[in-house]
C-alpha atoms as a PDB file:
ATOM      1  CA  MET A   1      41.504  86.809  18.278  1.00  0.00           C
ATOM      2  CA  SER A   2      40.181  83.430  19.351  1.00  0.00           C
ATOM      3  CA  CYS A   3      37.016  82.007  17.796  1.00  0.00           C
ATOM      4  CA  LYS A   4      35.319  82.084  21.202  1.00  0.00           C
ATOM      5  CA  ARG A   5      36.267  85.734  21.664  1.00  0.00           C
ATOM      6  CA  THR A   6      35.035  86.537  18.138  1.00  0.00           C
ATOM      7  CA  TYR A   7      31.649  84.986  18.939  1.00  0.00           C
ATOM      8  CA  LEU A   8      31.390  87.074  22.111  1.00  0.00           C
ATOM      9  CA  VAL A   9      32.184  90.313  20.297  1.00  0.00           C
ATOM     10  CA  ALA A  10      29.730  89.470  17.511  1.00  0.00           C
ATOM     11  CA  ALA A  11      27.001  88.635  19.994  1.00  0.00           C
ATOM     12  CA  THR A  12      27.680  91.887  21.861  1.00  0.00           C
ATOM     13  CA  ILE A  13      26.625  93.765  18.734  1.00  0.00           C
ATOM     14  CA  LEU A  14      23.869  91.378  17.656  1.00  0.00           C
ATOM     15  CA  VAL A  15      22.171  91.488  21.027  1.00  0.00           C
ATOM     16  CA  GLY A  16      21.881  95.243  20.607  1.00  0.00           C
ATOM     17  CA  LEU A  17      20.136  94.796  17.270  1.00  0.00           C
ATOM     18  CA  MET A  18      17.308  92.953  18.991  1.00  0.00           C
ATOM     19  CA  ARG A  19      16.540  96.138  20.917  1.00  0.00           C
ATOM     20  CA  SER A  20      17.959  99.025  18.873  1.00  0.00           C
ATOM     21  CA  VAL A  21      16.850 101.799  21.210  1.00  0.00           C
ATOM     22  CA  ALA A  22      19.131 104.418  19.666  1.00  0.00           C
ATOM     23  CA  GLN A  23      17.528 104.050  16.222  1.00  0.00           C
ATOM     24  CA  GLU A  24      14.338 105.809  17.315  1.00  0.00           C
ATOM     25  CA  LEU A  25      12.667 108.254  14.911  1.00  0.00           C
ATOM     26  CA  GLU A  26       9.531 109.631  16.567  1.00  0.00           C
ATOM     27  CA  PRO A  27       8.156 112.971  15.303  1.00  0.00           C
ATOM     28  CA  ARG A  28       5.831 115.068  17.478  1.00  0.00           C
ATOM     29  CA  ALA A  29       6.852 113.250  20.641  1.00  0.00           C
ATOM     30  CA  TYR A  30       5.924 116.313  22.726  1.00  0.00           C
ATOM     31  CA  SER A  31       2.534 117.061  21.184  1.00  0.00           C
ATOM     32  CA  VAL A  32      -0.205 118.239  23.548  1.00  0.00           C
ATOM     33  CA  SER A  33      -3.530 116.572  24.400  1.00  0.00           C
ATOM     34  CA  PRO A  34      -6.321 117.591  26.770  1.00  0.00           C
ATOM     35  CA  THR A  35      -5.993 116.266  30.307  1.00  0.00           C
ATOM     36  CA  GLY A  36      -7.522 112.806  30.745  1.00  0.00           C
ATOM     37  CA  ALA A  37      -7.195 111.742  27.091  1.00  0.00           C
ATOM     38  CA  ASN A  38      -6.315 108.075  26.556  1.00  0.00           C
ATOM     39  CA  PHE A  39      -4.837 106.300  23.570  1.00  0.00           C
ATOM     40  CA  VAL A  40      -3.985 102.760  22.555  1.00  0.00           C
ATOM     41  CA  VAL A  41      -1.642 101.940  19.694  1.00  0.00           C
ATOM     42  CA  ALA A  42      -1.061  98.618  17.946  1.00  0.00           C
ATOM     43  CA  GLY A  43       1.677  98.376  15.357  1.00  0.00           C
ATOM     44  CA  PHE A  44       3.832  96.197  13.121  1.00  0.00           C
ATOM     45  CA  ALA A  45       7.362  96.805  11.806  1.00  0.00           C
ATOM     46  CA  ARG A  46       9.847  95.050   9.547  1.00  0.00           C
ATOM     47  CA  SER A  47      13.589  95.714   9.547  1.00  0.00           C
ATOM     48  CA  ALA A  48      16.096  94.067   7.243  1.00  0.00           C
ATOM     49  CA  GLY A  49      19.627  94.694   6.048  1.00  0.00           C
ATOM     50  CA  ASP A  50      23.324  94.271   6.655  1.00  0.00           C
ATOM     51  CA  ILE A  51      25.216  94.354   9.945  1.00  0.00           C
ATOM     52  CA  ASP A  52      28.553  96.188  10.011  1.00  0.00           C
ATOM     53  CA  PHE A  53      31.325  94.973  12.335  1.00  0.00           C
ATOM     54  CA  ASP A  54      34.834  96.073  13.204  1.00  0.00           C
ATOM     55  CA  PRO A  55      36.846  95.248  10.016  1.00  0.00           C
ATOM     56  CA  ALA A  56      39.425  93.462  12.198  1.00  0.00           C
ATOM     57  CA  LEU A  57      36.872  90.775  13.080  1.00  0.00           C
ATOM     58  CA  PRO A  58      36.607  87.690  10.815  1.00  0.00           C
ATOM     59  CA  ILE A  59      32.878  88.243  10.276  1.00  0.00           C
ATOM     60  CA  GLU A  60      31.448  88.571   6.764  1.00  0.00           C
ATOM     61  CA  ASN A  61      28.070  88.742   5.036  1.00  0.00           C
ATOM     62  CA  ALA A  62      26.216  89.406   8.295  1.00  0.00           C
ATOM     63  CA  SER A  63      22.566  90.335   7.887  1.00  0.00           C
ATOM     64  CA  ALA A  64      19.234  90.108   9.639  1.00  0.00           C
ATOM     65  CA  ARG A  65      15.511  90.198   8.947  1.00  0.00           C
ATOM     66  CA  LEU A  66      13.455  91.134  11.997  1.00  0.00           C
ATOM     67  CA  TYR A  67       9.722  91.617  12.555  1.00  0.00           C
ATOM     68  CA  SER A  68       7.954  93.103  15.551  1.00  0.00           C
ATOM     69  CA  ASN A  69       4.490  93.771  16.902  1.00  0.00           C
ATOM     70  CA  PHE A  70       3.813  96.173  19.726  1.00  0.00           C
ATOM     71  CA  PHE A  71       0.935  97.350  21.887  1.00  0.00           C
ATOM     72  CA  ALA A  72       1.015 100.657  23.768  1.00  0.00           C
ATOM     73  CA  TYR A  73      -1.276 102.479  26.157  1.00  0.00           C
ATOM     74  CA  GLY A  74      -0.918 106.122  27.143  1.00  0.00           C
ATOM     75  CA  ARG A  75      -2.749 108.827  29.067  1.00  0.00           C
ATOM     76  CA  SER A  76      -2.351 112.584  29.247  1.00  0.00           C
ATOM     77  CA  ALA A  77      -2.249 114.147  32.703  1.00  0.00           C
ATOM     78  CA  ASP A  78      -1.855 117.319  34.737  1.00  0.00           C
ATOM     79  CA  PHE A  79       1.621 117.417  36.320  1.00  0.00           C
ATOM     80  CA  LEU A  80       2.050 120.481  38.556  1.00  0.00           C
ATOM     81  CA  GLY A  81      -0.104 122.472  36.181  1.00  0.00           C
ATOM     82  CA  ARG A  82       1.777 121.411  33.058  1.00  0.00           C
ATOM     83  CA  SER A  83       0.638 119.137  30.229  1.00  0.00           C
ATOM     84  CA  ALA A  84       2.142 115.664  30.719  1.00  0.00           C
ATOM     85  CA  SER A  85       1.692 112.085  29.599  1.00  0.00           C
ATOM     86  CA  VAL A  86       2.679 108.554  30.522  1.00  0.00           C
ATOM     87  CA  ALA A  87       2.849 105.570  28.161  1.00  0.00           C
ATOM     88  CA  VAL A  88       3.715 101.870  28.397  1.00  0.00           C
ATOM     89  CA  THR A  89       4.829  99.747  25.421  1.00  0.00           C
ATOM     90  CA  LEU A  90       4.838  95.941  25.171  1.00  0.00           C
ATOM     91  CA  PRO A  91       6.763  94.628  22.107  1.00  0.00           C
ATOM     92  CA  TYR A  92       7.188  91.170  20.590  1.00  0.00           C
ATOM     93  CA  LEU A  93       9.921  90.317  18.077  1.00  0.00           C
ATOM     94  CA  TRP A  94      10.826  87.454  15.758  1.00  0.00           C
ATOM     95  CA  GLY A  95      13.334  87.017  12.961  1.00  0.00           C
ATOM     96  CA  ASN A  96      16.545  85.549  11.575  1.00  0.00           C
ATOM     97  CA  LEU A  97      20.208  86.550  11.745  1.00  0.00           C
ATOM     98  CA  GLN A  98      22.956  84.993   9.648  1.00  0.00           C
ATOM     99  CA  GLY A  99      26.583  85.491   8.648  1.00  0.00           C
ATOM    100  CA  THR A 100      30.005  83.913   8.248  1.00  0.00           C
ATOM    101  CA  ILE A 101      32.470  83.810  11.137  1.00  0.00           C
ATOM    102  CA  SER A 102      36.004  82.561  10.400  1.00  0.00           C
ATOM    103  CA  GLY A 103      34.658  80.925   7.249  1.00  0.00           C
ATOM    104  CA  ALA A 104      31.852  79.045   9.016  1.00  0.00           C
ATOM    105  CA  ALA A 105      28.221  79.893   8.240  1.00  0.00           C
ATOM    106  CA  VAL A 106      26.132  80.611  11.329  1.00  0.00           C
ATOM    107  CA  GLN A 107      22.417  81.305  11.710  1.00  0.00           C
ATOM    108  CA  ALA A 108      20.095  82.179  14.556  1.00  0.00           C
ATOM    109  CA  ARG A 109      16.308  82.377  14.702  1.00  0.00           C
ATOM    110  CA  ARG A 110      14.615  84.004  17.646  1.00  0.00           C
ATOM    111  CA  SER A 111      11.030  84.732  18.694  1.00  0.00           C
ATOM    112  CA  GLY A 112       9.721  86.171  21.935  1.00  0.00           C
ATOM    113  CA  LEU A 113       8.861  89.125  24.128  1.00  0.00           C
ATOM    114  CA  MET A 114      11.173  92.135  24.029  1.00  0.00           C
ATOM    115  CA  ASN A 115      11.895  94.355  27.011  1.00  0.00           C
ATOM    116  CA  PRO A 116       8.826  96.498  27.857  1.00  0.00           C
ATOM    117  CA  ALA A 117       9.268 100.260  28.112  1.00  0.00           C
ATOM    118  CA  MET A 118       7.627 103.136  29.971  1.00  0.00           C
ATOM    119  CA  ARG A 119       7.919 106.832  29.126  1.00  0.00           C
ATOM    120  CA  PHE A 120       6.911 109.889  31.138  1.00  0.00           C
ATOM    121  CA  SER A 121       6.991 113.310  29.473  1.00  0.00           C
ATOM    122  CA  VAL A 122       6.087 116.808  30.620  1.00  0.00           C
ATOM    123  CA  ASN A 123       5.949 120.105  28.744  1.00  0.00           C
ATOM    124  CA  LEU A 124       8.034 122.585  30.710  1.00  0.00           C
ATOM    125  CA  TYR A 125       7.189 125.631  28.618  1.00  0.00           C
ATOM    126  CA  GLY A 126       4.418 126.559  26.213  1.00  0.00           C
ATOM    127  CA  ALA A 127       1.717 124.054  27.175  1.00  0.00           C
ATOM    128  CA  GLN A 128      -0.051 124.107  30.504  1.00  0.00           C
ATOM    129  CA  ALA A 129      -2.512 121.364  31.448  1.00  0.00           C
ATOM    130  CA  MET A 130      -5.817 121.997  29.624  1.00  0.00           C
ATOM    131  CA  ASP A 131      -9.342 120.656  29.527  1.00  0.00           C
ATOM    132  CA  LEU A 132     -11.042 120.161  26.157  1.00  0.00           C
ATOM    133  CA  GLU A 133     -12.452 123.706  26.002  1.00  0.00           C
ATOM    134  CA  GLU A 134      -9.060 125.262  26.729  1.00  0.00           C
ATOM    135  CA  PHE A 135      -7.373 122.861  24.327  1.00  0.00           C
ATOM    136  CA  ALA A 136      -9.748 123.919  21.508  1.00  0.00           C
ATOM    137  CA  ARG A 137      -8.536 127.538  21.933  1.00  0.00           C
ATOM    138  CA  TYR A 138      -4.876 126.585  22.272  1.00  0.00           C
ATOM    139  CA  ARG A 139      -2.502 127.767  19.536  1.00  0.00           C
ATOM    140  CA  ARG A 140       0.965 126.397  20.027  1.00  0.00           C
ATOM    141  CA  LYS A 141       4.081 128.377  19.196  1.00  0.00           C
ATOM    142  CA  THR A 142       7.112 127.034  21.034  1.00  0.00           C
ATOM    143  CA  ILE A 143       7.123 124.001  23.342  1.00  0.00           C
ATOM    144  CA  VAL A 144       9.990 122.848  25.532  1.00  0.00           C
ATOM    145  CA  GLY A 145       9.525 119.394  27.002  1.00  0.00           C
ATOM    146  CA  ALA A 146      11.425 116.762  28.944  1.00  0.00           C
ATOM    147  CA  SER A 147      10.951 113.013  29.191  1.00  0.00           C
ATOM    148  CA  LEU A 148      12.314 109.923  30.871  1.00  0.00           C
ATOM    149  CA  ALA A 149      12.076 106.476  29.256  1.00  0.00           C
ATOM    150  CA  ILE A 150      12.746 103.304  31.241  1.00  0.00           C
ATOM    151  CA  VAL A 151      13.290  99.875  29.647  1.00  0.00           C
ATOM    152  CA  ALA A 152      12.867  96.949  32.059  1.00  0.00           C
ATOM    153  CA  PRO A 153      14.797  93.631  31.785  1.00  0.00           C
ATOM    154  CA  LEU A 154      11.688  91.496  31.335  1.00  0.00           C
ATOM    155  CA  GLY A 155      12.200  90.313  27.756  1.00  0.00           C
ATOM    156  CA  GLN A 156      13.010  86.751  26.752  1.00  0.00           C
ATOM    157  CA  TYR A 157      16.542  85.949  27.887  1.00  0.00           C
ATOM    158  CA  ASP A 158      18.518  82.713  28.175  1.00  0.00           C
ATOM    159  CA  PRO A 159      22.096  83.120  29.529  1.00  0.00           C
ATOM    160  CA  ALA A 160      23.086  79.936  27.707  1.00  0.00           C
ATOM    161  CA  ARG A 161      22.536  81.718  24.368  1.00  0.00           C
ATOM    162  CA  LEU A 162      24.857  84.288  22.835  1.00  0.00           C
ATOM    163  CA  ILE A 163      22.027  86.033  20.987  1.00  0.00           C
ATOM    164  CA  ASN A 164      18.885  86.990  22.891  1.00  0.00           C
ATOM    165  CA  ILE A 165      15.818  89.137  22.361  1.00  0.00           C
ATOM    166  CA  GLY A 166      15.937  90.547  25.889  1.00  0.00           C
ATOM    167  CA  THR A 167      19.054  92.266  27.213  1.00  0.00           C
ATOM    168  CA  ASN A 168      18.939  91.272  30.918  1.00  0.00           C
ATOM    169  CA  ARG A 169      19.615  94.849  32.019  1.00  0.00           C
ATOM    170  CA  TRP A 170      17.887  98.127  32.742  1.00  0.00           C
ATOM    171  CA  ALA A 171      18.094 101.092  30.380  1.00  0.00           C
ATOM    172  CA  ALA A 172      17.065 104.715  30.952  1.00  0.00           C
ATOM    173  CA  LYS A 173      16.910 107.699  28.626  1.00  0.00           C
ATOM    174  CA  PRO A 174      16.443 111.292  29.844  1.00  0.00           C
ATOM    175  CA  GLU A 175      15.662 113.652  26.973  1.00  0.00           C
ATOM    176  CA  LEU A 176      15.008 117.330  26.291  1.00  0.00           C
ATOM    177  CA  GLY A 177      12.825 118.332  23.334  1.00  0.00           C
ATOM    178  CA  ILE A 178      12.073 121.647  21.616  1.00  0.00           C
ATOM    179  CA  SER A 179       9.224 122.095  19.141  1.00  0.00           C
ATOM    180  CA  ARG A 180       8.444 125.262  17.162  1.00  0.00           C
ATOM    181  CA  ARG A 181       5.497 125.970  14.887  1.00  0.00           C
ATOM    182  CA  PHE A 182       5.490 128.301  11.848  1.00  0.00           C
ATOM    183  CA  GLY A 183       2.033 128.224  10.308  1.00  0.00           C
ATOM    184  CA  ASN A 184       1.467 124.660   9.170  1.00  0.00           C
ATOM    185  CA  TRP A 185       5.156 123.758   9.585  1.00  0.00           C
ATOM    186  CA  PHE A 186       6.523 122.126  12.743  1.00  0.00           C
ATOM    187  CA  PHE A 187      10.215 121.820  13.645  1.00  0.00           C
ATOM    188  CA  ASP A 188      11.311 119.411  16.403  1.00  0.00           C
ATOM    189  CA  LEU A 189      14.731 118.864  17.958  1.00  0.00           C
ATOM    190  CA  TYR A 190      15.442 116.269  20.694  1.00  0.00           C
ATOM    191  CA  LEU A 191      18.655 115.624  22.617  1.00  0.00           C
ATOM    192  CA  GLY A 192      18.953 112.629  24.932  1.00  0.00           C
ATOM    193  CA  ALA A 193      21.220 109.872  26.173  1.00  0.00           C
ATOM    194  CA  TRP A 194      20.712 106.172  26.919  1.00  0.00           C
ATOM    195  CA  PHE A 195      22.292 104.775  30.093  1.00  0.00           C
ATOM    196  CA  PHE A 196      22.573 101.046  30.771  1.00  0.00           C
ATOM    197  CA  SER A 197      23.018  98.860  33.822  1.00  0.00           C
ATOM    198  CA  ALA A 198      25.316  95.833  33.575  1.00  0.00           C
ATOM    199  CA  ASN A 199      24.216  92.447  32.293  1.00  0.00           C
ATOM    200  CA  GLU A 200      25.585  90.272  35.093  1.00  0.00           C
ATOM    201  CA  ASN A 201      25.050  86.995  33.233  1.00  0.00           C
ATOM    202  CA  PHE A 202      26.243  87.304  29.632  1.00  0.00           C
ATOM    203  CA  LYS A 203      27.367  83.691  29.062  1.00  0.00           C
ATOM    204  CA  GLY A 204      28.725  83.706  32.611  1.00  0.00           C
ATOM    205  CA  ARG A 205      30.441  87.046  32.082  1.00  0.00           C
ATOM    206  CA  VAL A 206      29.603  90.657  32.926  1.00  0.00           C
ATOM    207  CA  ARG A 207      28.696  92.825  29.942  1.00  0.00           C
ATOM    208  CA  THR A 208      28.597  96.613  30.273  1.00  0.00           C
ATOM    209  CA  GLN A 209      27.919  99.378  27.773  1.00  0.00           C
ATOM    210  CA  ASP A 210      28.839 103.053  27.663  1.00  0.00           C
ATOM    211  CA  PRO A 211      26.030 105.636  27.273  1.00  0.00           C
ATOM    212  CA  ILE A 212      24.685 106.389  23.806  1.00  0.00           C
ATOM    213  CA  ILE A 213      24.064 110.067  23.040  1.00  0.00           C
ATOM    214  CA  SER A 214      21.304 110.625  20.485  1.00  0.00           C
ATOM    215  CA  THR A 215      19.692 113.509  18.628  1.00  0.00           C
ATOM    216  CA  GLN A 216      16.551 113.621  16.510  1.00  0.00           C
ATOM    217  CA  THR A 217      15.388 116.290  14.061  1.00  0.00           C
ATOM    218  CA  HIS A 218      11.918 116.339  12.516  1.00  0.00           C
ATOM    219  CA  VAL A 219      10.287 118.683  10.015  1.00  0.00           C
ATOM    220  CA  SER A 220       6.557 118.104   9.552  1.00  0.00           C
ATOM    221  CA  TYR A 221       3.711 119.753   7.690  1.00  0.00           C
ATOM    222  CA  ALA A 222       0.059 119.661   8.800  1.00  0.00           C
ATOM    223  CA  PHE A 223      -2.313 119.528   5.829  1.00  0.00           C
ATOM    224  CA  ARG A 224      -5.265 119.659   8.231  1.00  0.00           C
ATOM    225  CA  PRO A 225      -5.858 118.569  11.836  1.00  0.00           C
ATOM    226  CA  ARG A 226      -4.353 115.083  12.419  1.00  0.00           C
ATOM    227  CA  LEU A 227      -3.269 114.743   8.771  1.00  0.00           C
ATOM    228  CA  TRP A 228       0.447 115.410   8.577  1.00  0.00           C
ATOM    229  CA  ALA A 229       3.724 114.201   7.081  1.00  0.00           C
ATOM    230  CA  ALA A 230       7.239 114.440   8.505  1.00  0.00           C
ATOM    231  CA  PHE A 231      10.852 114.106   7.398  1.00  0.00           C
ATOM    232  CA  ASP A 232      12.930 112.492  10.162  1.00  0.00           C
ATOM    233  CA  THR A 233      16.658 112.244  10.891  1.00  0.00           C
ATOM    234  CA  ASN A 234      18.768 111.154  13.836  1.00  0.00           C
ATOM    235  CA  PHE A 235      22.382 110.725  14.907  1.00  0.00           C
ATOM    236  CA  TYR A 236      23.694 108.616  17.765  1.00  0.00           C
ATOM    237  CA  THR A 237      27.166 107.901  19.058  1.00  0.00           C
ATOM    238  CA  GLY A 238      28.773 105.957  21.904  1.00  0.00           C
ATOM    239  CA  GLY A 239      27.747 102.556  23.220  1.00  0.00           C
ATOM    240  CA  THR A 240      31.155 100.880  23.408  1.00  0.00           C
ATOM    241  CA  THR A 241      30.722  97.540  25.177  1.00  0.00           C
ATOM    242  CA  SER A 242      32.987  95.636  27.559  1.00  0.00           C
ATOM    243  CA  ILE A 243      33.015  91.997  28.650  1.00  0.00           C
ATOM    244  CA  ASP A 244      34.600  91.384  32.053  1.00  0.00           C
ATOM    245  CA  GLY A 245      36.266  94.791  31.745  1.00  0.00           C
ATOM    246  CA  LEU A 246      37.819  94.106  28.323  1.00  0.00           C
ATOM    247  CA  ARG A 247      36.593  96.810  25.933  1.00  0.00           C
ATOM    248  CA  ASN A 248      35.402  95.952  22.446  1.00  0.00           C
ATOM    249  CA  ARG A 249      36.021  98.059  19.359  1.00  0.00           C
ATOM    250  CA  ASP A 250      32.336  98.774  18.694  1.00  0.00           C
ATOM    251  CA  LEU A 251      31.925 102.531  19.161  1.00  0.00           C
ATOM    252  CA  GLN A 252      28.808 103.574  17.232  1.00  0.00           C
ATOM    253  CA  ARG A 253      28.610 106.725  15.078  1.00  0.00           C
ATOM    254  CA  ASN A 254      25.439 106.172  13.079  1.00  0.00           C
ATOM    255  CA  SER A 255      22.659 108.177  11.483  1.00  0.00           C
ATOM    256  CA  ARG A 256      19.265 107.362   9.986  1.00  0.00           C
ATOM    257  CA  VAL A 257      16.795 109.217   7.766  1.00  0.00           C
ATOM    258  CA  GLY A 258      13.125 108.501   7.218  1.00  0.00           C
ATOM    259  CA  GLY A 259       9.584 109.725   6.833  1.00  0.00           C
ATOM    260  CA  THR A 260       6.264 109.480   8.664  1.00  0.00           C
ATOM    261  CA  ILE A 261       2.673 110.019   7.506  1.00  0.00           C
ATOM    262  CA  SER A 262      -0.315 110.211   9.873  1.00  0.00           C
ATOM    263  CA  ILE A 263      -3.787 109.767   8.352  1.00  0.00           C
ATOM    264  CA  PRO A 264      -7.028 110.223  10.343  1.00  0.00           C
ATOM    265  CA  MET A 265      -9.689 107.578   9.760  1.00  0.00           C
ATOM    266  CA  THR A 266     -12.423 108.875  12.094  1.00  0.00           C
ATOM    267  CA  LYS A 267     -12.570 111.373  14.952  1.00  0.00           C
ATOM    268  CA  ARG A 268     -10.943 108.850  17.282  1.00  0.00           C
ATOM    269  CA  GLN A 269      -8.949 106.635  14.932  1.00  0.00           C
ATOM    270  CA  SER A 270      -5.846 107.154  12.812  1.00  0.00           C
ATOM    271  CA  LEU A 271      -3.143 105.250  10.945  1.00  0.00           C
ATOM    272  CA  LYS A 272       0.548 106.123  10.913  1.00  0.00           C
ATOM    273  CA  PHE A 273       2.992 104.835   8.291  1.00  0.00           C
ATOM    274  CA  SER A 274       6.754 105.149   8.702  1.00  0.00           C
ATOM    275  CA  GLY A 275       9.942 104.167   6.938  1.00  0.00           C
ATOM    276  CA  SER A 276      13.648 104.747   7.488  1.00  0.00           C
ATOM    277  CA  THR A 277      17.067 103.697   6.277  1.00  0.00           C
ATOM    278  CA  GLY A 278      20.645 104.047   7.415  1.00  0.00           C
ATOM    279  CA  ALA A 279      22.383 107.223   6.231  1.00  0.00           C
ATOM    280  CA  VAL A 280      25.719 106.509   7.957  1.00  0.00           C
ATOM    281  CA  THR A 281      26.542 103.225   9.720  1.00  0.00           C
ATOM    282  CA  ASN A 282      30.041 102.462  10.983  1.00  0.00           C
ATOM    283  CA  ILE A 283      29.155  99.746  13.535  1.00  0.00           C
ATOM    284  CA  GLY A 284      25.735  98.129  13.901  1.00  0.00           C
ATOM    285  CA  ALA A 285      22.625  97.643  11.803  1.00  0.00           C
ATOM    286  CA  ASP A 286      22.293  99.239   8.371  1.00  0.00           C
ATOM    287  CA  PHE A 287      18.602  98.399   8.142  1.00  0.00           C
ATOM    288  CA  ILE A 288      15.704  99.467   5.963  1.00  0.00           C
ATOM    289  CA  SER A 289      12.670  99.628   8.261  1.00  0.00           C
ATOM    290  CA  ILE A 290       8.986 100.069   7.508  1.00  0.00           C
ATOM    291  CA  GLY A 291       6.066 100.156   9.923  1.00  0.00           C
ATOM    292  CA  VAL A 292       2.390 100.828  10.363  1.00  0.00           C
ATOM    293  CA  ALA A 293       0.493 101.691  13.553  1.00  0.00           C
ATOM    294  CA  TYR A 294      -3.197 102.023  14.408  1.00  0.00           C
ATOM    295  CA  GLN A 295      -4.225 104.506  17.139  1.00  0.00           C
ATOM    296  CA  TYR A 296      -7.511 104.899  19.016  1.00  0.00           C
ATOM    297  CA  LEU A 297      -8.290 107.896  21.237  1.00  0.00           C
ATOM    298  CA  TRP A 298     -10.928 108.409  23.925  1.00  0.00           C
ATOM    299  CA  GLY A 299     -11.585 110.360  27.118  1.00  0.00           C
ATOM    300  CA  GLY A 300     -10.572 113.907  28.001  1.00  0.00           C
ATOM    301  CA  GLY A 301     -13.806 115.179  26.486  1.00  0.00           C
ATOM    302  CA  LEU A 302     -12.790 113.978  23.030  1.00  0.00           C
END
């Protein structure tokens, strides 16, 4: 494989690390709020670790250390009589990537806006739209929800660079989620798939990517209202990339495990701490990630 081709294959994987959508671990994603409730979230995360490539590639000792801040706004709503919500997230990322390709040490440092994302979710079963009085009487059993996440190609992108923070393409993820409560225990299962448009200007080439199918499983325990802890796992597979129709050997079959703790500070404020690590990584980022997020609630009679 030529050195130029090796760089393109490496960058195909590295560019995905800058926006690792399939690595999500989000417990209680289909929780219910009274209609008209608003929330803002500000968070910080750090991810660091090794990057695994196709063993046939002359790439060794690849690793990265990435940091990100994000700001999100969301609002619960009544959608055809069902409990629903919409949220927008604006992330910013910076960090370093390094490794050895064909015996030559290479490094890259990047800093800039990532692709923003929007998510709409609706509870199809088990949670109708409620005002605060109805919500206070609500006792959840089983919830079935659906969501659609859209990632827009508005992040920092320079076609002259092999490694970018933005991906210069659209991404969409439809998902179905089921949540079941047993006393203070909550069990969540999500099944979804990421679909990607083509990047029409990947160093003057066209880069495409197959869909990535993902699952998430969460087991959480509520010690009291808004104070809970969760054990999180996921598995995702797919995502083989092609450059000008030539397929790369970068099929992903990865899994992560982690934990989340949510701690209320006041009636309207809370902190959420999270951490995760790779359980199985055949191609991609074997990162240890930690994060903290601050949330503020208002409206909806709260």
